[in-house]
Amino acid sequence: MPAPRPHPARPVAFYCLFSYPFRRSFPTGRRFRPGPGTRRPVAVCGAHMSGLPLNHQLIGLGGQLVARTMTAPHYRLYRLPGFEPPRPGLIRVHSEGGAVEVEVWRLPVEHYGKLVAVVPAPLCIGTLDLQDGLAVQGFLCESYATEHALDITSSGGWRSYIASQTGMNQTHNS
């Protein structure tokens, strides 16, 4: 099917968003297909994960958890300062990356924009590559925000990091 011709009153990004739901992932090129266009996959790696403080936003938008998985091994995870509840920032790197735990949720297409609209800077929505080669939309972070942030990639994910901090606090309070 040929790409639609841009309409003079609509930016090209409009056609990219609505004509091609998922970009091809380099290097594997497989696409995550959510079904007959009714739900869009969204990968979350922090406070929106199951049981964490912002998960209610996904559930309230009709989200359904479909997978717990890992990113491809070319990301770094940081604890971002200044957020309440605390949040991580995930950035893609050229070298020295690691695999990070994520959850893939499916949101009704009509609610996808509502989620994107409440994502605060420096967080953003972009394309993440998963360990199985699939590419999905999900939470990423602008790299400038990591300059003074704690690198927590070695924990394997936000949930593991939070658990390690809870354990440390219990040990220090004993």
C-alpha atoms as a PDB file:
ATOM      1  CA  MET A   1       0.000   0.000   0.000  1.00  0.00           C
ATOM      2  CA  PRO A   2       1.557   3.340  -0.986  1.00  0.00           C
ATOM      3  CA  ALA A   3       2.037   6.025   1.623  1.00  0.00           C
ATOM      4  CA  PRO A   4      -0.707   8.673   1.652  1.00  0.00           C
ATOM      5  CA  ARG A   5       0.125  11.980   0.067  1.00  0.00           C
ATOM      6  CA  PRO A   6       0.604  14.762   2.579  1.00  0.00           C
ATOM      7  CA  HIS A   7      -2.292  17.194   2.747  1.00  0.00           C
ATOM      8  CA  PRO A   8      -1.085  20.838   2.730  1.00  0.00           C
ATOM      9  CA  ALA A   9      -2.895  21.558   6.007  1.00  0.00           C
ATOM     10  CA  ARG A  10      -1.471  18.548   7.876  1.00  0.00           C
ATOM     11  CA  PRO A  11       2.145  18.074   8.944  1.00  0.00           C
ATOM     12  CA  VAL A  12       3.964  15.006   7.677  1.00  0.00           C
ATOM     13  CA  ALA A  13       4.110  13.716  11.284  1.00  0.00           C
ATOM     14  CA  PHE A  14       0.317  13.316  11.126  1.00  0.00           C
ATOM     15  CA  TYR A  15       0.718  10.729   8.384  1.00  0.00           C
ATOM     16  CA  CYS A  16       3.538   8.971  10.201  1.00  0.00           C
ATOM     17  CA  LEU A  17       1.424   8.642  13.356  1.00  0.00           C
ATOM     18  CA  PHE A  18      -1.736   7.375  11.728  1.00  0.00           C
ATOM     19  CA  SER A  19      -0.539   5.546   8.616  1.00  0.00           C
ATOM     20  CA  TYR A  20       2.319   3.546  10.086  1.00  0.00           C
ATOM     21  CA  PRO A  21       1.564   2.455  13.665  1.00  0.00           C
ATOM     22  CA  PHE A  22       5.035   1.041  14.383  1.00  0.00           C
ATOM     23  CA  ARG A  23       8.380   1.794  12.809  1.00  0.00           C
ATOM     24  CA  ARG A  24      10.613  -1.033  11.779  1.00  0.00           C
ATOM     25  CA  SER A  25      13.115  -1.834  14.439  1.00  0.00           C
ATOM     26  CA  PHE A  26      16.769  -1.933  13.458  1.00  0.00           C
ATOM     27  CA  PRO A  27      18.292  -4.495  13.083  1.00  0.00           C
ATOM     28  CA  THR A  28      15.560  -7.170  13.245  1.00  0.00           C
ATOM     29  CA  GLY A  29      12.745  -5.299  11.509  1.00  0.00           C
ATOM     30  CA  ARG A  30       9.883  -7.235  13.113  1.00  0.00           C
ATOM     31  CA  ARG A  31       6.813  -5.260  14.094  1.00  0.00           C
ATOM     32  CA  PHE A  32       4.682  -5.569  17.199  1.00  0.00           C
ATOM     33  CA  ARG A  33       1.147  -6.052  15.864  1.00  0.00           C
ATOM     34  CA  PRO A  34      -1.497  -5.303  18.491  1.00  0.00           C
ATOM     35  CA  GLY A  35      -4.410  -6.801  16.599  1.00  0.00           C
ATOM     36  CA  PRO A  36      -7.004  -5.204  14.377  1.00  0.00           C
ATOM     37  CA  GLY A  37      -6.054  -1.625  15.254  1.00  0.00           C
ATOM     38  CA  THR A  38      -8.088  -1.382  18.432  1.00  0.00           C
ATOM     39  CA  ARG A  39      -5.248  -1.295  20.960  1.00  0.00           C
ATOM     40  CA  ARG A  40      -1.757   0.180  20.920  1.00  0.00           C
ATOM     41  CA  PRO A  41       1.154  -1.356  22.861  1.00  0.00           C
ATOM     42  CA  VAL A  42       2.966   0.870  25.355  1.00  0.00           C
ATOM     43  CA  ALA A  43       6.091  -0.217  27.259  1.00  0.00           C
ATOM     44  CA  VAL A  44       6.530   1.132  30.783  1.00  0.00           C
ATOM     45  CA  CYS A  45       9.646   0.848  32.930  1.00  0.00           C
ATOM     46  CA  GLY A  46       8.873   2.775  36.123  1.00  0.00           C
ATOM     47  CA  ALA A  47       6.042   4.173  38.221  1.00  0.00           C
ATOM     48  CA  HIS A  48       3.403   2.958  35.714  1.00  0.00           C
ATOM     49  CA  MET A  49       4.336  -0.711  36.235  1.00  0.00           C
ATOM     50  CA  SER A  50       1.886  -3.082  37.950  1.00  0.00           C
ATOM     51  CA  GLY A  51       1.400  -2.278  41.620  1.00  0.00           C
ATOM     52  CA  LEU A  52       3.409   0.956  41.493  1.00  0.00           C
ATOM     53  CA  PRO A  53       2.036   4.461  42.174  1.00  0.00           C
ATOM     54  CA  LEU A  54       1.045   5.529  38.631  1.00  0.00           C
ATOM     55  CA  ASN A  55      -0.280   2.180  37.382  1.00  0.00           C
ATOM     56  CA  HIS A  56      -3.811   3.428  38.016  1.00  0.00           C
ATOM     57  CA  GLN A  57      -3.396   5.784  35.026  1.00  0.00           C
ATOM     58  CA  LEU A  58      -2.999   2.847  32.644  1.00  0.00           C
ATOM     59  CA  ILE A  59      -5.842   0.905  34.227  1.00  0.00           C
ATOM     60  CA  GLY A  60      -8.092   3.982  34.167  1.00  0.00           C
ATOM     61  CA  LEU A  61      -7.482   4.330  30.429  1.00  0.00           C
ATOM     62  CA  GLY A  62      -8.517   0.719  29.834  1.00  0.00           C
ATOM     63  CA  GLY A  63      -4.987  -0.643  29.687  1.00  0.00           C
ATOM     64  CA  GLN A  64      -4.304  -4.362  29.798  1.00  0.00           C
ATOM     65  CA  LEU A  65      -0.978  -5.901  30.781  1.00  0.00           C
ATOM     66  CA  VAL A  66       0.191  -8.230  28.009  1.00  0.00           C
ATOM     67  CA  ALA A  67       3.840  -8.967  28.812  1.00  0.00           C
ATOM     68  CA  ARG A  68       6.635  -8.616  31.326  1.00  0.00           C
ATOM     69  CA  THR A  69       9.897  -8.618  29.428  1.00  0.00           C
ATOM     70  CA  MET A  70      13.263  -6.915  28.995  1.00  0.00           C
ATOM     71  CA  THR A  71      14.552  -4.322  26.581  1.00  0.00           C
ATOM     72  CA  ALA A  72      17.280  -5.165  24.127  1.00  0.00           C
ATOM     73  CA  PRO A  73      20.677  -4.689  25.843  1.00  0.00           C
ATOM     74  CA  HIS A  74      21.341  -1.135  24.651  1.00  0.00           C
ATOM     75  CA  TYR A  75      19.665   1.017  27.297  1.00  0.00           C
ATOM     76  CA  ARG A  76      20.642   2.709  30.550  1.00  0.00           C
ATOM     77  CA  LEU A  77      18.245   3.387  33.420  1.00  0.00           C
ATOM     78  CA  TYR A  78      18.588   6.391  35.747  1.00  0.00           C
ATOM     79  CA  ARG A  79      16.821   7.494  38.924  1.00  0.00           C
ATOM     80  CA  LEU A  80      15.662  10.993  38.042  1.00  0.00           C
ATOM     81  CA  PRO A  81      15.793  13.670  40.755  1.00  0.00           C
ATOM     82  CA  GLY A  82      12.814  15.888  41.512  1.00  0.00           C
ATOM     83  CA  PHE A  83       9.890  13.555  40.808  1.00  0.00           C
ATOM     84  CA  GLU A  84       7.161  12.569  43.240  1.00  0.00           C
ATOM     85  CA  PRO A  85       6.478   9.717  43.073  1.00  0.00           C
ATOM     86  CA  PRO A  86      10.072   8.828  42.163  1.00  0.00           C
ATOM     87  CA  ARG A  87      10.616   7.869  38.522  1.00  0.00           C
ATOM     88  CA  PRO A  88      13.322   6.432  36.329  1.00  0.00           C
ATOM     89  CA  GLY A  89      14.526   7.642  32.963  1.00  0.00           C
ATOM     90  CA  LEU A  90      15.408   5.168  30.219  1.00  0.00           C
ATOM     91  CA  ILE A  91      17.810   6.206  27.467  1.00  0.00           C
ATOM     92  CA  ARG A  92      19.207   4.322  24.515  1.00  0.00           C
ATOM     93  CA  VAL A  93      23.000   4.214  24.289  1.00  0.00           C
ATOM     94  CA  HIS A  94      25.519   3.223  21.621  1.00  0.00           C
ATOM     95  CA  SER A  95      27.711   1.226  24.001  1.00  0.00           C
ATOM     96  CA  GLU A  96      27.813  -0.093  27.548  1.00  0.00           C
ATOM     97  CA  GLY A  97      24.067  -0.600  27.721  1.00  0.00           C
ATOM     98  CA  GLY A  98      22.077  -3.235  29.497  1.00  0.00           C
ATOM     99  CA  ALA A  99      18.711  -4.941  29.337  1.00  0.00           C
ATOM    100  CA  VAL A 100      16.048  -3.320  31.528  1.00  0.00           C
ATOM    101  CA  GLU A 101      12.791  -4.815  32.805  1.00  0.00           C
ATOM    102  CA  VAL A 102       9.640  -3.407  31.168  1.00  0.00           C
ATOM    103  CA  GLU A 103       5.959  -4.209  31.044  1.00  0.00           C
ATOM    104  CA  VAL A 104       4.049  -3.992  27.783  1.00  0.00           C
ATOM    105  CA  TRP A 105       0.485  -2.767  28.114  1.00  0.00           C
ATOM    106  CA  ARG A 106      -2.175  -2.362  25.437  1.00  0.00           C
ATOM    107  CA  LEU A 107      -4.234   0.809  25.475  1.00  0.00           C
ATOM    108  CA  PRO A 108      -7.331   1.518  23.430  1.00  0.00           C
ATOM    109  CA  VAL A 109      -6.196   3.716  20.541  1.00  0.00           C
ATOM    110  CA  GLU A 110      -8.677   6.431  21.539  1.00  0.00           C
ATOM    111  CA  HIS A 111      -6.953   6.769  24.952  1.00  0.00           C
ATOM    112  CA  TYR A 112      -3.334   6.612  23.806  1.00  0.00           C
ATOM    113  CA  GLY A 113      -3.157  10.397  23.362  1.00  0.00           C
ATOM    114  CA  LYS A 114      -4.508  10.946  26.878  1.00  0.00           C
ATOM    115  CA  LEU A 115      -1.532   9.054  28.287  1.00  0.00           C
ATOM    116  CA  VAL A 116       0.984  10.857  26.078  1.00  0.00           C
ATOM    117  CA  ALA A 117      -0.502  14.240  27.086  1.00  0.00           C
ATOM    118  CA  VAL A 118       0.328  13.723  30.784  1.00  0.00           C
ATOM    119  CA  VAL A 119       3.936  12.571  30.328  1.00  0.00           C
ATOM    120  CA  PRO A 120       6.074  15.254  32.005  1.00  0.00           C
ATOM    121  CA  ALA A 121       9.393  16.406  30.563  1.00  0.00           C
ATOM    122  CA  PRO A 122      12.086  15.134  30.460  1.00  0.00           C
ATOM    123  CA  LEU A 123      10.168  11.897  29.948  1.00  0.00           C
ATOM    124  CA  CYS A 124       8.770  11.226  26.503  1.00  0.00           C
ATOM    125  CA  ILE A 125       7.288   8.495  24.339  1.00  0.00           C
ATOM    126  CA  GLY A 126       9.529   6.886  21.752  1.00  0.00           C
ATOM    127  CA  THR A 127      10.315   3.517  20.248  1.00  0.00           C
ATOM    128  CA  LEU A 128      11.927   0.837  22.429  1.00  0.00           C
ATOM    129  CA  ASP A 129      13.502  -2.358  21.167  1.00  0.00           C
ATOM    130  CA  LEU A 130      12.669  -5.436  23.219  1.00  0.00           C
ATOM    131  CA  GLN A 131      14.902  -8.464  23.820  1.00  0.00           C
ATOM    132  CA  ASP A 132      12.880 -10.536  21.355  1.00  0.00           C
ATOM    133  CA  GLY A 133      13.432  -8.024  18.555  1.00  0.00           C
ATOM    134  CA  LEU A 134      10.023  -6.374  18.669  1.00  0.00           C
ATOM    135  CA  ALA A 135       9.782  -2.573  18.632  1.00  0.00           C
ATOM    136  CA  VAL A 136       7.079  -0.879  20.715  1.00  0.00           C
ATOM    137  CA  GLN A 137       6.216   2.636  21.772  1.00  0.00           C
ATOM    138  CA  GLY A 138       7.131   3.363  25.367  1.00  0.00           C
ATOM    139  CA  PHE A 139       8.595   5.679  27.968  1.00  0.00           C
ATOM    140  CA  LEU A 140      12.032   7.125  27.285  1.00  0.00           C
ATOM    141  CA  CYS A 141      13.950  10.059  28.720  1.00  0.00           C
ATOM    142  CA  GLU A 142      15.782  12.986  27.190  1.00  0.00           C
ATOM    143  CA  SER A 143      19.494  12.483  27.817  1.00  0.00           C
ATOM    144  CA  TYR A 144      20.117  15.914  29.385  1.00  0.00           C
ATOM    145  CA  ALA A 145      18.107  14.809  32.428  1.00  0.00           C
ATOM    146  CA  THR A 146      20.620  12.083  33.266  1.00  0.00           C
ATOM    147  CA  GLU A 147      23.573  14.449  33.844  1.00  0.00           C
ATOM    148  CA  HIS A 148      22.946  14.559  37.616  1.00  0.00           C
ATOM    149  CA  ALA A 149      20.911  11.369  37.910  1.00  0.00           C
ATOM    150  CA  LEU A 150      21.938   8.093  39.523  1.00  0.00           C
ATOM    151  CA  ASP A 151      22.681   5.294  37.030  1.00  0.00           C
ATOM    152  CA  ILE A 152      20.729   2.250  38.208  1.00  0.00           C
ATOM    153  CA  THR A 153      21.086   0.065  35.110  1.00  0.00           C
ATOM    154  CA  SER A 154      22.896  -2.650  37.062  1.00  0.00           C
ATOM    155  CA  SER A 155      19.752  -3.242  39.152  1.00  0.00           C
ATOM    156  CA  GLY A 156      18.023  -4.636  36.048  1.00  0.00           C
ATOM    157  CA  GLY A 157      14.951  -2.459  36.382  1.00  0.00           C
ATOM    158  CA  TRP A 158      12.980   0.025  38.443  1.00  0.00           C
ATOM    159  CA  ARG A 159      11.163  -2.579  40.545  1.00  0.00           C
ATOM    160  CA  SER A 160      14.486  -4.235  41.527  1.00  0.00           C
ATOM    161  CA  TYR A 161      16.005  -0.856  42.325  1.00  0.00           C
ATOM    162  CA  ILE A 162      13.057   0.116  44.567  1.00  0.00           C
ATOM    163  CA  ALA A 163      13.265  -3.260  46.358  1.00  0.00           C
ATOM    164  CA  SER A 164      16.994  -2.782  46.983  1.00  0.00           C
ATOM    165  CA  GLN A 165      16.370   0.689  48.430  1.00  0.00           C
ATOM    166  CA  THR A 166      13.567  -0.588  50.669  1.00  0.00           C
ATOM    167  CA  GLY A 167      15.875  -3.326  51.936  1.00  0.00           C
ATOM    168  CA  MET A 168      18.641  -0.795  52.612  1.00  0.00           C
ATOM    169  CA  ASN A 169      16.265   1.503  54.507  1.00  0.00           C
ATOM    170  CA  GLN A 170      15.002  -1.389  56.656  1.00  0.00           C
ATOM    171  CA  THR A 171      18.606  -2.404  57.420  1.00  0.00           C
ATOM    172  CA  HIS A 172      19.575   1.170  58.382  1.00  0.00           C
ATOM    173  CA  ASN A 173      16.478   1.618  60.550  1.00  0.00           C
ATOM    174  CA  SER A 174      17.095  -1.601  62.529  1.00  0.00           C
END
